[in-house]
């Protein structure tokens, strides 16, 4: 083991490294504010005006981010579901309708499964939004709107393992969720009606103790 590794594996080294990771990821999320421009308003309004479902997809870590985003959209009054891009190529695309919006999360915009899913959705009349780091990618060229979200390369181990970048992607979705909640005037009572379970549900019914 090298000296640097031994230092990191001490209790103090572990704690200090953990703090560095938190600071690095927090800075990456904060930098998202500088990327937001008028194109975000177009994306938000497209989601607001969707008369069907917002169908969210991605592959790998992006799929996990898509699941979270779809759930939060539904929580704030925008009916949404996460779908599998791979399953869409084996009959699942039959669930996509012309009044839906397909929201695709893809860092590089080059995934075959995602791009083929987009082709199927477009053929069925759905509108398409891409959240990607590459607005010139094959994916972006197929879409009606692009939400460009970039994370610093050094926020991910080896520049590849999507730890910090998935956090940035999640925060980008949170921005849309809050905007849609406020644009709809979605009240606390409506959230309570769809969230009756657990501690949150009890608090909504009974009020804080």
N, C-alpha and C. Protein backbone atom coordinates (compact mmCIF):
# COMPACT_ATOMS: atom_id res chain seq x y z
N UNK A 1 0.84 -1.19 0.00
CA UNK A 1 0.00 0.00 0.00
C UNK A 1 0.88 1.25 0.00
N UNK A 2 0.52 2.28 -0.76
CA UNK A 2 1.29 3.51 -0.80
C UNK A 2 1.03 4.36 0.42
N UNK A 3 1.91 5.35 0.63
CA UNK A 3 1.78 6.22 1.79
C UNK A 3 0.48 7.00 1.75
N UNK A 4 0.08 7.48 0.53
CA UNK A 4 -1.17 8.22 0.40
C UNK A 4 -2.37 7.38 0.80
N UNK A 5 -2.34 6.10 0.42
CA UNK A 5 -3.44 5.20 0.77
C UNK A 5 -3.51 5.00 2.28
N UNK A 6 -2.34 4.80 2.92
CA UNK A 6 -2.31 4.61 4.37
C UNK A 6 -2.86 5.83 5.09
N UNK A 7 -2.53 7.03 4.59
CA UNK A 7 -3.02 8.26 5.22
C UNK A 7 -4.53 8.36 5.09
N UNK A 8 -5.05 8.03 3.91
CA UNK A 8 -6.49 8.09 3.70
C UNK A 8 -7.23 7.10 4.58
N UNK A 9 -6.63 5.91 4.81
CA UNK A 9 -7.32 4.88 5.56
C UNK A 9 -7.30 5.11 7.07
N UNK A 10 -6.59 6.11 7.54
CA UNK A 10 -6.71 6.47 8.95
C UNK A 10 -8.10 7.06 9.17
N UNK A 11 -8.58 7.03 10.40
CA UNK A 11 -9.90 7.59 10.69
C UNK A 11 -9.97 9.05 10.29
N UNK A 12 -8.92 9.79 10.62
CA UNK A 12 -8.90 11.21 10.29
C UNK A 12 -8.89 11.42 8.78
N UNK A 13 -8.12 10.60 8.07
CA UNK A 13 -8.06 10.70 6.62
C UNK A 13 -9.41 10.43 5.97
N UNK A 14 -10.12 9.43 6.48
CA UNK A 14 -11.45 9.10 5.95
C UNK A 14 -12.41 10.26 6.14
N UNK A 15 -12.41 10.86 7.34
CA UNK A 15 -13.30 11.97 7.63
C UNK A 15 -13.00 13.17 6.75
N UNK A 16 -11.71 13.50 6.60
CA UNK A 16 -11.33 14.64 5.79
C UNK A 16 -11.67 14.42 4.32
N UNK A 17 -11.45 13.20 3.84
CA UNK A 17 -11.78 12.91 2.45
C UNK A 17 -13.28 12.99 2.22
N UNK A 18 -14.05 12.52 3.18
CA UNK A 18 -15.52 12.60 3.07
C UNK A 18 -15.96 14.06 2.95
N UNK A 19 -15.36 14.93 3.74
CA UNK A 19 -15.70 16.35 3.67
C UNK A 19 -15.34 16.95 2.31
N UNK A 20 -14.21 16.51 1.76
CA UNK A 20 -13.80 17.00 0.44
C UNK A 20 -14.80 16.58 -0.63
N UNK A 21 -15.29 15.34 -0.54
CA UNK A 21 -16.27 14.85 -1.52
C UNK A 21 -17.56 15.66 -1.43
N UNK A 22 -18.03 15.93 -0.21
CA UNK A 22 -19.25 16.72 -0.05
C UNK A 22 -19.06 18.11 -0.64
N UNK A 23 -17.92 18.75 -0.36
CA UNK A 23 -17.66 20.09 -0.87
C UNK A 23 -17.59 20.10 -2.40
N UNK A 24 -16.97 19.07 -2.97
CA UNK A 24 -16.84 18.98 -4.42
C UNK A 24 -18.20 18.82 -5.08
N UNK A 25 -19.04 17.95 -4.53
CA UNK A 25 -20.36 17.73 -5.11
C UNK A 25 -21.26 18.94 -4.91
N UNK A 26 -21.16 19.59 -3.74
CA UNK A 26 -21.98 20.79 -3.50
C UNK A 26 -21.63 21.89 -4.49
N UNK A 27 -20.34 22.06 -4.77
CA UNK A 27 -19.92 23.07 -5.74
C UNK A 27 -20.43 22.74 -7.14
N UNK A 28 -20.44 21.46 -7.48
CA UNK A 28 -20.93 21.05 -8.80
C UNK A 28 -22.42 21.36 -8.96
N UNK A 29 -23.18 21.11 -7.91
CA UNK A 29 -24.61 21.42 -7.95
C UNK A 29 -24.83 22.94 -8.02
N UNK A 30 -24.07 23.68 -7.22
CA UNK A 30 -24.21 25.14 -7.22
C UNK A 30 -23.91 25.73 -8.60
N UNK A 31 -22.96 25.12 -9.32
CA UNK A 31 -22.58 25.63 -10.65
C UNK A 31 -23.71 25.46 -11.66
N UNK A 32 -24.69 24.63 -11.35
CA UNK A 32 -25.83 24.44 -12.25
C UNK A 32 -26.57 25.75 -12.48
N UNK A 33 -26.62 26.61 -11.47
CA UNK A 33 -27.35 27.87 -11.59
C UNK A 33 -26.83 28.72 -12.74
N UNK A 34 -25.53 28.64 -13.00
CA UNK A 34 -24.93 29.45 -14.07
C UNK A 34 -25.27 28.91 -15.46
N UNK A 35 -25.78 27.69 -15.53
CA UNK A 35 -26.09 27.09 -16.83
C UNK A 35 -27.52 27.34 -17.27
N UNK A 36 -28.36 27.79 -16.37
CA UNK A 36 -29.78 27.94 -16.68
C UNK A 36 -30.01 29.19 -17.52
N UNK A 37 -30.74 29.01 -18.64
CA UNK A 37 -31.06 30.13 -19.51
C UNK A 37 -32.50 30.01 -19.99
N UNK A 38 -32.84 30.80 -21.00
CA UNK A 38 -34.23 30.85 -21.47
C UNK A 38 -34.74 29.52 -21.99
N UNK A 39 -33.84 28.63 -22.39
CA UNK A 39 -34.29 27.33 -22.90
C UNK A 39 -34.98 26.51 -21.82
N UNK A 40 -34.64 26.77 -20.55
CA UNK A 40 -35.30 26.06 -19.47
C UNK A 40 -36.78 26.39 -19.42
N UNK A 41 -37.13 27.64 -19.70
CA UNK A 41 -38.54 28.03 -19.69
C UNK A 41 -39.32 27.25 -20.74
N UNK A 42 -38.70 27.02 -21.90
CA UNK A 42 -39.34 26.23 -22.96
C UNK A 42 -39.60 24.81 -22.48
N UNK A 43 -38.62 24.22 -21.80
CA UNK A 43 -38.76 22.86 -21.28
C UNK A 43 -39.87 22.81 -20.24
N UNK A 44 -39.86 23.76 -19.31
CA UNK A 44 -40.87 23.77 -18.25
C UNK A 44 -42.28 23.91 -18.82
N UNK A 45 -42.44 24.77 -19.80
CA UNK A 45 -43.78 24.97 -20.38
C UNK A 45 -44.22 23.75 -21.19
N UNK A 46 -43.30 23.08 -21.83
CA UNK A 46 -43.67 21.87 -22.56
C UNK A 46 -44.20 20.80 -21.60
N UNK A 47 -43.56 20.69 -20.44
CA UNK A 47 -44.02 19.73 -19.43
C UNK A 47 -45.35 20.19 -18.83
N UNK A 48 -45.49 21.48 -18.59
CA UNK A 48 -46.72 22.02 -18.02
C UNK A 48 -47.92 21.79 -18.93
N UNK A 49 -47.70 21.92 -20.22
CA UNK A 49 -48.79 21.82 -21.20
C UNK A 49 -49.06 20.39 -21.66
N UNK A 50 -48.27 19.43 -21.18
CA UNK A 50 -48.48 18.04 -21.57
C UNK A 50 -49.85 17.56 -21.09
N UNK A 51 -50.67 17.09 -22.02
CA UNK A 51 -52.02 16.63 -21.66
C UNK A 51 -52.07 15.13 -21.38
N UNK A 52 -50.96 14.45 -21.66
CA UNK A 52 -50.87 13.02 -21.35
C UNK A 52 -49.95 12.81 -20.17
N UNK A 53 -49.06 11.85 -20.30
CA UNK A 53 -48.07 11.58 -19.26
C UNK A 53 -46.69 12.05 -19.71
N UNK A 54 -45.90 12.46 -18.74
CA UNK A 54 -44.48 12.66 -18.98
C UNK A 54 -43.81 11.30 -18.73
N UNK A 55 -43.21 10.75 -19.75
CA UNK A 55 -42.54 9.46 -19.67
C UNK A 55 -41.04 9.72 -19.60
N UNK A 56 -40.40 9.29 -18.53
CA UNK A 56 -38.99 9.60 -18.30
C UNK A 56 -38.17 8.34 -18.50
N UNK A 57 -37.05 8.47 -19.18
CA UNK A 57 -36.21 7.29 -19.42
C UNK A 57 -34.74 7.66 -19.44
N UNK A 58 -33.92 6.64 -19.34
CA UNK A 58 -32.47 6.74 -19.39
C UNK A 58 -31.94 5.33 -19.22
N UNK A 59 -30.64 5.16 -19.35
CA UNK A 59 -30.04 3.85 -19.12
C UNK A 59 -28.93 3.99 -18.08
N UNK A 60 -28.64 2.90 -17.38
CA UNK A 60 -27.61 2.94 -16.35
C UNK A 60 -28.00 3.85 -15.20
N UNK A 61 -27.04 4.65 -14.73
CA UNK A 61 -27.32 5.57 -13.64
C UNK A 61 -28.38 6.59 -14.04
N UNK A 62 -28.43 6.95 -15.30
CA UNK A 62 -29.45 7.89 -15.76
C UNK A 62 -30.85 7.32 -15.58
N UNK A 63 -30.99 6.00 -15.66
CA UNK A 63 -32.31 5.41 -15.42
C UNK A 63 -32.72 5.57 -13.96
N UNK A 64 -31.75 5.41 -13.04
CA UNK A 64 -32.05 5.62 -11.63
C UNK A 64 -32.47 7.07 -11.39
N UNK A 65 -31.80 8.00 -12.04
CA UNK A 65 -32.18 9.41 -11.95
C UNK A 65 -33.56 9.63 -12.54
N UNK A 66 -33.86 8.94 -13.64
CA UNK A 66 -35.17 9.05 -14.28
C UNK A 66 -36.29 8.57 -13.37
N UNK A 67 -36.04 7.47 -12.63
CA UNK A 67 -37.06 6.96 -11.70
C UNK A 67 -37.38 8.00 -10.63
N UNK A 68 -36.34 8.61 -10.08
CA UNK A 68 -36.55 9.63 -9.04
C UNK A 68 -37.31 10.83 -9.60
N UNK A 69 -36.91 11.28 -10.79
CA UNK A 69 -37.54 12.45 -11.40
C UNK A 69 -39.01 12.19 -11.70
N UNK A 70 -39.32 11.03 -12.25
CA UNK A 70 -40.71 10.70 -12.56
C UNK A 70 -41.57 10.68 -11.29
N UNK A 71 -41.01 10.11 -10.22
CA UNK A 71 -41.76 10.07 -8.96
C UNK A 71 -42.03 11.48 -8.45
N UNK A 72 -41.02 12.34 -8.47
CA UNK A 72 -41.20 13.69 -7.96
C UNK A 72 -42.15 14.51 -8.83
N UNK A 73 -42.10 14.31 -10.14
CA UNK A 73 -43.06 14.99 -11.01
C UNK A 73 -44.49 14.64 -10.61
N UNK A 74 -44.75 13.36 -10.38
CA UNK A 74 -46.09 12.94 -9.97
C UNK A 74 -46.47 13.56 -8.63
N UNK A 75 -45.49 13.70 -7.74
CA UNK A 75 -45.75 14.29 -6.42
C UNK A 75 -46.20 15.74 -6.52
N UNK A 76 -45.76 16.45 -7.58
CA UNK A 76 -46.08 17.87 -7.68
C UNK A 76 -47.15 18.15 -8.74
N UNK A 77 -47.90 17.12 -9.13
CA UNK A 77 -49.07 17.35 -9.97
C UNK A 77 -48.86 17.17 -11.46
N UNK A 78 -47.71 16.64 -11.88
CA UNK A 78 -47.45 16.35 -13.28
C UNK A 78 -47.41 14.83 -13.45
N UNK A 79 -48.47 14.22 -13.97
CA UNK A 79 -48.50 12.76 -14.08
C UNK A 79 -47.31 12.23 -14.88
N UNK A 80 -46.53 11.37 -14.25
CA UNK A 80 -45.30 10.91 -14.88
C UNK A 80 -45.03 9.46 -14.54
N UNK A 81 -44.34 8.77 -15.44
CA UNK A 81 -43.92 7.39 -15.24
C UNK A 81 -42.52 7.22 -15.79
N UNK A 82 -41.73 6.37 -15.16
CA UNK A 82 -40.43 6.01 -15.69
C UNK A 82 -40.61 4.76 -16.55
N UNK A 83 -40.06 4.79 -17.76
CA UNK A 83 -40.14 3.63 -18.63
C UNK A 83 -38.73 3.16 -19.00
N UNK A 84 -38.63 1.91 -19.36
CA UNK A 84 -37.35 1.33 -19.76
C UNK A 84 -37.15 1.54 -21.25
N UNK A 85 -36.04 2.19 -21.60
CA UNK A 85 -35.74 2.39 -23.02
C UNK A 85 -35.55 1.05 -23.72
N UNK A 86 -34.91 0.10 -23.03
CA UNK A 86 -34.69 -1.22 -23.63
C UNK A 86 -36.01 -1.95 -23.86
N UNK A 87 -36.90 -1.92 -22.86
CA UNK A 87 -38.19 -2.59 -23.01
C UNK A 87 -39.04 -1.95 -24.10
N UNK A 88 -38.85 -0.65 -24.31
CA UNK A 88 -39.60 0.04 -25.36
C UNK A 88 -39.33 -0.57 -26.73
N UNK A 89 -38.14 -1.14 -26.89
CA UNK A 89 -37.77 -1.74 -28.18
C UNK A 89 -38.35 -3.13 -28.35
N UNK A 90 -39.00 -3.65 -27.30
CA UNK A 90 -39.58 -4.99 -27.34
C UNK A 90 -41.07 -4.94 -27.01
N UNK A 91 -41.73 -3.90 -27.50
CA UNK A 91 -43.17 -3.80 -27.35
C UNK A 91 -43.63 -2.73 -26.39
N UNK A 92 -42.75 -2.31 -25.48
CA UNK A 92 -43.14 -1.32 -24.48
C UNK A 92 -43.50 0.04 -25.06
N UNK A 93 -43.02 0.33 -26.27
CA UNK A 93 -43.33 1.60 -26.91
C UNK A 93 -44.82 1.75 -27.20
N UNK A 94 -45.55 0.65 -27.13
CA UNK A 94 -46.99 0.72 -27.34
C UNK A 94 -47.70 1.55 -26.31
N UNK A 95 -47.04 1.81 -25.18
CA UNK A 95 -47.65 2.63 -24.14
C UNK A 95 -47.53 4.12 -24.43
N UNK A 96 -46.71 4.49 -25.40
CA UNK A 96 -46.47 5.90 -25.70
C UNK A 96 -47.57 6.43 -26.62
N UNK A 97 -48.17 7.58 -26.23
CA UNK A 97 -49.24 8.17 -27.02
C UNK A 97 -48.83 9.55 -27.51
N UNK A 98 -49.61 10.07 -28.46
CA UNK A 98 -49.24 11.34 -29.08
C UNK A 98 -49.39 12.53 -28.14
N UNK A 99 -50.14 12.38 -27.06
CA UNK A 99 -50.27 13.50 -26.12
C UNK A 99 -49.25 13.40 -24.97
N UNK A 100 -48.31 12.46 -25.07
CA UNK A 100 -47.26 12.31 -24.06
C UNK A 100 -46.03 13.14 -24.42
N UNK A 101 -45.21 13.37 -23.41
CA UNK A 101 -43.87 13.93 -23.60
C UNK A 101 -42.88 12.89 -23.10
N UNK A 102 -41.90 12.55 -23.91
CA UNK A 102 -40.82 11.66 -23.49
C UNK A 102 -39.64 12.53 -23.05
N UNK A 103 -39.25 12.38 -21.79
CA UNK A 103 -38.14 13.14 -21.22
C UNK A 103 -36.97 12.17 -21.05
N UNK A 104 -35.91 12.42 -21.80
CA UNK A 104 -34.78 11.48 -21.85
C UNK A 104 -33.58 12.07 -21.11
N UNK A 105 -33.05 11.31 -20.17
CA UNK A 105 -31.84 11.72 -19.46
C UNK A 105 -30.68 10.88 -19.98
N UNK A 106 -29.70 11.56 -20.57
CA UNK A 106 -28.55 10.86 -21.14
C UNK A 106 -27.36 11.80 -21.14
N UNK A 107 -26.34 11.47 -20.37
CA UNK A 107 -25.18 12.36 -20.26
C UNK A 107 -24.54 12.61 -21.62
N UNK A 108 -24.27 11.54 -22.37
CA UNK A 108 -23.57 11.69 -23.64
C UNK A 108 -24.48 11.84 -24.85
N UNK A 109 -25.71 11.33 -24.73
CA UNK A 109 -26.65 11.42 -25.85
C UNK A 109 -26.34 10.46 -26.99
N UNK A 110 -25.59 9.39 -26.71
CA UNK A 110 -25.20 8.47 -27.77
C UNK A 110 -25.71 7.05 -27.56
N UNK A 111 -26.48 6.80 -26.51
CA UNK A 111 -26.94 5.45 -26.21
C UNK A 111 -27.90 4.93 -27.29
N UNK A 112 -27.59 3.78 -27.84
CA UNK A 112 -28.42 3.20 -28.89
C UNK A 112 -29.85 2.95 -28.41
N UNK A 113 -29.98 2.37 -27.19
CA UNK A 113 -31.33 2.06 -26.69
C UNK A 113 -32.17 3.31 -26.56
N UNK A 114 -31.55 4.35 -26.00
CA UNK A 114 -32.29 5.60 -25.79
C UNK A 114 -32.67 6.23 -27.13
N UNK A 115 -31.73 6.29 -28.06
CA UNK A 115 -32.01 6.95 -29.33
C UNK A 115 -33.04 6.19 -30.16
N UNK A 116 -33.02 4.86 -30.08
CA UNK A 116 -34.05 4.09 -30.78
C UNK A 116 -35.42 4.27 -30.11
N UNK A 117 -35.42 4.38 -28.78
CA UNK A 117 -36.67 4.65 -28.06
C UNK A 117 -37.24 6.00 -28.49
N UNK A 118 -36.37 6.99 -28.65
CA UNK A 118 -36.81 8.32 -29.10
C UNK A 118 -37.42 8.22 -30.50
N UNK A 119 -36.81 7.46 -31.38
CA UNK A 119 -37.36 7.30 -32.73
C UNK A 119 -38.77 6.71 -32.68
N UNK A 120 -38.96 5.71 -31.83
CA UNK A 120 -40.28 5.10 -31.70
C UNK A 120 -41.30 6.09 -31.14
N UNK A 121 -40.88 6.85 -30.12
CA UNK A 121 -41.80 7.82 -29.51
C UNK A 121 -42.19 8.91 -30.50
N UNK A 122 -41.21 9.36 -31.27
CA UNK A 122 -41.52 10.40 -32.27
C UNK A 122 -42.47 9.85 -33.33
N UNK A 123 -42.26 8.62 -33.75
CA UNK A 123 -43.15 8.01 -34.76
C UNK A 123 -44.58 7.90 -34.23
N UNK A 124 -44.72 7.81 -32.91
CA UNK A 124 -46.05 7.69 -32.30
C UNK A 124 -46.64 9.06 -31.96
N UNK A 125 -45.93 10.13 -32.30
CA UNK A 125 -46.48 11.47 -32.15
C UNK A 125 -46.13 12.19 -30.86
N UNK A 126 -45.33 11.56 -29.99
CA UNK A 126 -44.96 12.20 -28.73
C UNK A 126 -43.93 13.30 -28.97
N UNK A 127 -43.91 14.27 -28.06
CA UNK A 127 -42.86 15.29 -28.10
C UNK A 127 -41.70 14.80 -27.23
N UNK A 128 -40.50 15.28 -27.53
CA UNK A 128 -39.30 14.74 -26.89
C UNK A 128 -38.47 15.87 -26.28
N UNK A 129 -38.03 15.65 -25.05
CA UNK A 129 -37.09 16.55 -24.38
C UNK A 129 -35.86 15.73 -24.00
N UNK A 130 -34.68 16.27 -24.25
CA UNK A 130 -33.44 15.62 -23.83
C UNK A 130 -32.77 16.44 -22.75
N UNK A 131 -32.36 15.77 -21.66
CA UNK A 131 -31.47 16.38 -20.67
C UNK A 131 -30.10 15.73 -20.87
N UNK A 132 -29.15 16.51 -21.35
CA UNK A 132 -27.86 15.95 -21.74
C UNK A 132 -26.76 16.99 -21.60
N UNK A 133 -25.52 16.53 -21.54
CA UNK A 133 -24.37 17.44 -21.52
C UNK A 133 -23.99 17.89 -22.92
N UNK A 134 -24.55 17.23 -23.94
CA UNK A 134 -24.08 17.47 -25.31
C UNK A 134 -25.24 17.87 -26.22
N UNK A 135 -25.49 19.17 -26.36
CA UNK A 135 -26.60 19.62 -27.21
C UNK A 135 -26.40 19.37 -28.70
N UNK A 136 -25.18 18.93 -29.07
CA UNK A 136 -24.92 18.61 -30.47
C UNK A 136 -24.98 17.11 -30.72
N UNK A 137 -25.36 16.32 -29.72
CA UNK A 137 -25.37 14.86 -29.81
C UNK A 137 -26.47 14.35 -30.73
N UNK A 138 -26.35 13.06 -31.07
CA UNK A 138 -27.38 12.42 -31.90
C UNK A 138 -28.74 12.50 -31.22
N UNK A 139 -28.77 12.32 -29.91
CA UNK A 139 -30.04 12.42 -29.17
C UNK A 139 -30.63 13.81 -29.30
N UNK A 140 -29.84 14.83 -29.03
CA UNK A 140 -30.34 16.20 -29.03
C UNK A 140 -30.93 16.58 -30.39
N UNK A 141 -30.31 16.08 -31.45
CA UNK A 141 -30.79 16.40 -32.79
C UNK A 141 -32.18 15.84 -33.08
N UNK A 142 -32.60 14.83 -32.31
CA UNK A 142 -33.89 14.21 -32.52
C UNK A 142 -35.01 14.87 -31.71
N UNK A 143 -34.66 15.82 -30.82
CA UNK A 143 -35.61 16.28 -29.80
C UNK A 143 -36.23 17.63 -30.11
N UNK A 144 -37.37 17.88 -29.47
CA UNK A 144 -38.05 19.17 -29.62
C UNK A 144 -37.43 20.24 -28.74
N UNK A 145 -36.83 19.83 -27.63
CA UNK A 145 -36.19 20.78 -26.72
C UNK A 145 -35.04 20.07 -26.02
N UNK A 146 -34.01 20.84 -25.69
CA UNK A 146 -32.83 20.29 -25.03
C UNK A 146 -32.56 21.08 -23.75
N UNK A 147 -32.40 20.35 -22.64
CA UNK A 147 -32.04 20.90 -21.34
C UNK A 147 -30.58 20.52 -21.13
N UNK A 148 -29.68 21.47 -21.39
CA UNK A 148 -28.26 21.17 -21.32
C UNK A 148 -27.79 21.28 -19.87
N UNK A 149 -27.31 20.18 -19.33
CA UNK A 149 -26.86 20.11 -17.94
C UNK A 149 -25.48 19.48 -17.91
N UNK A 150 -24.49 20.25 -17.50
CA UNK A 150 -23.12 19.74 -17.47
C UNK A 150 -22.60 19.69 -16.04
N UNK A 151 -21.93 18.61 -15.70
CA UNK A 151 -21.25 18.47 -14.42
C UNK A 151 -19.75 18.54 -14.65
N UNK A 152 -19.00 19.14 -13.73
CA UNK A 152 -17.55 19.16 -13.88
C UNK A 152 -16.99 17.74 -13.94
N UNK A 153 -16.02 17.51 -14.81
CA UNK A 153 -15.46 16.16 -14.98
C UNK A 153 -14.86 15.63 -13.69
N UNK A 154 -14.32 16.52 -12.86
CA UNK A 154 -13.62 16.05 -11.66
C UNK A 154 -14.56 15.69 -10.52
N UNK A 155 -15.88 15.81 -10.74
CA UNK A 155 -16.82 15.48 -9.68
C UNK A 155 -17.10 13.98 -9.63
N UNK A 156 -16.69 13.25 -10.68
CA UNK A 156 -16.88 11.79 -10.75
C UNK A 156 -15.52 11.08 -10.65
N UNK A 157 -15.43 10.01 -9.86
CA UNK A 157 -14.19 9.22 -9.84
C UNK A 157 -13.82 8.74 -11.25
N UNK A 158 -12.55 8.94 -11.62
CA UNK A 158 -12.04 8.60 -12.95
C UNK A 158 -12.73 9.38 -14.07
N UNK A 159 -13.57 10.35 -13.70
CA UNK A 159 -14.34 11.06 -14.71
C UNK A 159 -15.40 10.21 -15.36
N UNK A 160 -15.73 9.07 -14.74
CA UNK A 160 -16.64 8.10 -15.36
C UNK A 160 -17.74 7.60 -14.43
N UNK A 161 -17.42 7.35 -13.17
CA UNK A 161 -18.41 6.75 -12.26
C UNK A 161 -19.35 7.85 -11.79
N UNK A 162 -20.62 7.75 -12.15
CA UNK A 162 -21.55 8.89 -12.05
C UNK A 162 -22.05 9.14 -10.63
N UNK A 163 -21.12 9.52 -9.75
CA UNK A 163 -21.51 9.91 -8.39
C UNK A 163 -22.00 11.36 -8.39
N UNK A 164 -21.07 12.30 -8.52
CA UNK A 164 -21.45 13.71 -8.51
C UNK A 164 -22.30 14.12 -9.69
N UNK A 165 -22.02 13.58 -10.87
CA UNK A 165 -22.79 14.00 -12.05
C UNK A 165 -24.25 13.56 -11.94
N UNK A 166 -24.52 12.43 -11.30
CA UNK A 166 -25.92 12.02 -11.12
C UNK A 166 -26.61 12.93 -10.12
N UNK A 167 -25.85 13.45 -9.15
CA UNK A 167 -26.41 14.42 -8.21
C UNK A 167 -26.79 15.70 -8.94
N UNK A 168 -25.92 16.16 -9.84
CA UNK A 168 -26.22 17.35 -10.63
C UNK A 168 -27.45 17.10 -11.52
N UNK A 169 -27.51 15.93 -12.14
CA UNK A 169 -28.67 15.59 -12.98
C UNK A 169 -29.95 15.56 -12.16
N UNK A 170 -29.87 15.04 -10.93
CA UNK A 170 -31.04 15.03 -10.06
C UNK A 170 -31.47 16.43 -9.69
N UNK A 171 -30.51 17.29 -9.38
CA UNK A 171 -30.82 18.67 -9.03
C UNK A 171 -31.48 19.40 -10.20
N UNK A 172 -31.02 19.10 -11.43
CA UNK A 172 -31.63 19.70 -12.61
C UNK A 172 -33.11 19.31 -12.72
N UNK A 173 -33.42 18.07 -12.37
CA UNK A 173 -34.82 17.65 -12.34
C UNK A 173 -35.59 18.32 -11.22
N UNK A 174 -34.95 18.50 -10.06
CA UNK A 174 -35.61 19.18 -8.95
C UNK A 174 -36.04 20.59 -9.34
N UNK A 175 -35.19 21.27 -10.10
CA UNK A 175 -35.52 22.61 -10.57
C UNK A 175 -36.86 22.59 -11.31
N UNK A 176 -37.01 21.64 -12.22
CA UNK A 176 -38.26 21.55 -12.98
C UNK A 176 -39.45 21.20 -12.09
N UNK A 177 -39.24 20.32 -11.12
CA UNK A 177 -40.32 19.94 -10.22
C UNK A 177 -40.84 21.14 -9.43
N UNK A 178 -39.94 21.93 -8.90
CA UNK A 178 -40.35 23.10 -8.12
C UNK A 178 -41.05 24.13 -9.02
N UNK A 179 -40.49 24.35 -10.22
CA UNK A 179 -41.12 25.28 -11.14
C UNK A 179 -42.53 24.83 -11.51
N UNK A 180 -42.70 23.55 -11.80
CA UNK A 180 -44.03 23.04 -12.18
C UNK A 180 -45.01 23.12 -11.02
N UNK A 181 -44.55 22.81 -9.82
CA UNK A 181 -45.40 22.94 -8.64
C UNK A 181 -45.94 24.36 -8.54
N UNK A 182 -45.05 25.34 -8.72
CA UNK A 182 -45.45 26.74 -8.57
C UNK A 182 -46.26 27.23 -9.77
N UNK A 183 -45.93 26.80 -10.97
CA UNK A 183 -46.70 27.20 -12.14
C UNK A 183 -48.13 26.66 -12.09
N UNK A 184 -48.29 25.46 -11.55
CA UNK A 184 -49.62 24.87 -11.43
C UNK A 184 -50.40 25.42 -10.24
N UNK A 185 -49.70 26.04 -9.30
CA UNK A 185 -50.34 26.40 -8.05
C UNK A 185 -50.77 25.17 -7.28
N UNK A 186 -49.93 24.13 -7.34
CA UNK A 186 -50.27 22.84 -6.73
C UNK A 186 -50.24 22.96 -5.21
N UNK A 187 -51.40 22.80 -4.54
CA UNK A 187 -51.46 23.08 -3.10
C UNK A 187 -51.04 21.89 -2.25
N UNK A 188 -50.74 22.18 -1.01
CA UNK A 188 -50.39 21.16 -0.03
C UNK A 188 -51.49 20.10 0.07
N UNK A 189 -52.75 20.53 -0.03
CA UNK A 189 -53.87 19.60 0.10
C UNK A 189 -53.89 18.57 -1.03
N UNK A 190 -53.52 19.01 -2.23
CA UNK A 190 -53.47 18.08 -3.36
C UNK A 190 -52.38 17.05 -3.15
N UNK A 191 -51.24 17.50 -2.64
CA UNK A 191 -50.17 16.55 -2.34
C UNK A 191 -50.62 15.56 -1.28
N UNK A 192 -51.34 16.05 -0.28
CA UNK A 192 -51.84 15.17 0.78
C UNK A 192 -52.78 14.11 0.25
N UNK A 193 -53.57 14.46 -0.77
CA UNK A 193 -54.54 13.51 -1.32
C UNK A 193 -53.85 12.35 -2.03
N UNK A 194 -52.65 12.58 -2.56
CA UNK A 194 -51.93 11.53 -3.26
C UNK A 194 -50.84 10.90 -2.41
N UNK A 195 -50.69 11.37 -1.18
CA UNK A 195 -49.63 10.87 -0.30
C UNK A 195 -50.19 10.62 1.10
N UNK A 196 -51.14 9.68 1.21
CA UNK A 196 -51.76 9.45 2.52
C UNK A 196 -50.95 8.57 3.45
N UNK A 197 -49.91 7.91 2.93
CA UNK A 197 -49.21 6.92 3.74
C UNK A 197 -47.98 7.45 4.44
N UNK A 198 -47.57 6.73 5.49
CA UNK A 198 -46.31 7.02 6.17
C UNK A 198 -46.37 8.26 7.05
N UNK A 199 -45.21 8.63 7.55
CA UNK A 199 -45.12 9.77 8.45
C UNK A 199 -45.54 11.05 7.75
N UNK A 200 -45.16 11.18 6.45
CA UNK A 200 -45.54 12.39 5.71
C UNK A 200 -47.05 12.48 5.59
N UNK A 201 -47.70 11.36 5.25
CA UNK A 201 -49.15 11.35 5.13
C UNK A 201 -49.84 11.72 6.43
N UNK A 202 -49.36 11.16 7.54
CA UNK A 202 -49.95 11.49 8.84
C UNK A 202 -49.79 12.97 9.17
N UNK A 203 -48.63 13.52 8.84
CA UNK A 203 -48.40 14.93 9.12
C UNK A 203 -49.33 15.81 8.31
N UNK A 204 -49.57 15.42 7.05
CA UNK A 204 -50.45 16.20 6.20
C UNK A 204 -51.90 16.16 6.70
N UNK A 205 -52.31 15.03 7.26
CA UNK A 205 -53.67 14.89 7.75
C UNK A 205 -53.83 15.53 9.13
N UNK A 206 -52.87 15.26 10.00
CA UNK A 206 -53.00 15.68 11.40
C UNK A 206 -52.32 17.01 11.70
N UNK A 207 -51.39 17.40 10.82
CA UNK A 207 -50.61 18.60 11.08
C UNK A 207 -49.40 18.25 11.93
N UNK A 208 -48.41 19.16 11.96
CA UNK A 208 -47.20 18.90 12.73
C UNK A 208 -47.49 18.83 14.22
N UNK A 209 -46.73 17.99 14.92
CA UNK A 209 -46.91 17.85 16.37
C UNK A 209 -45.80 18.58 17.09
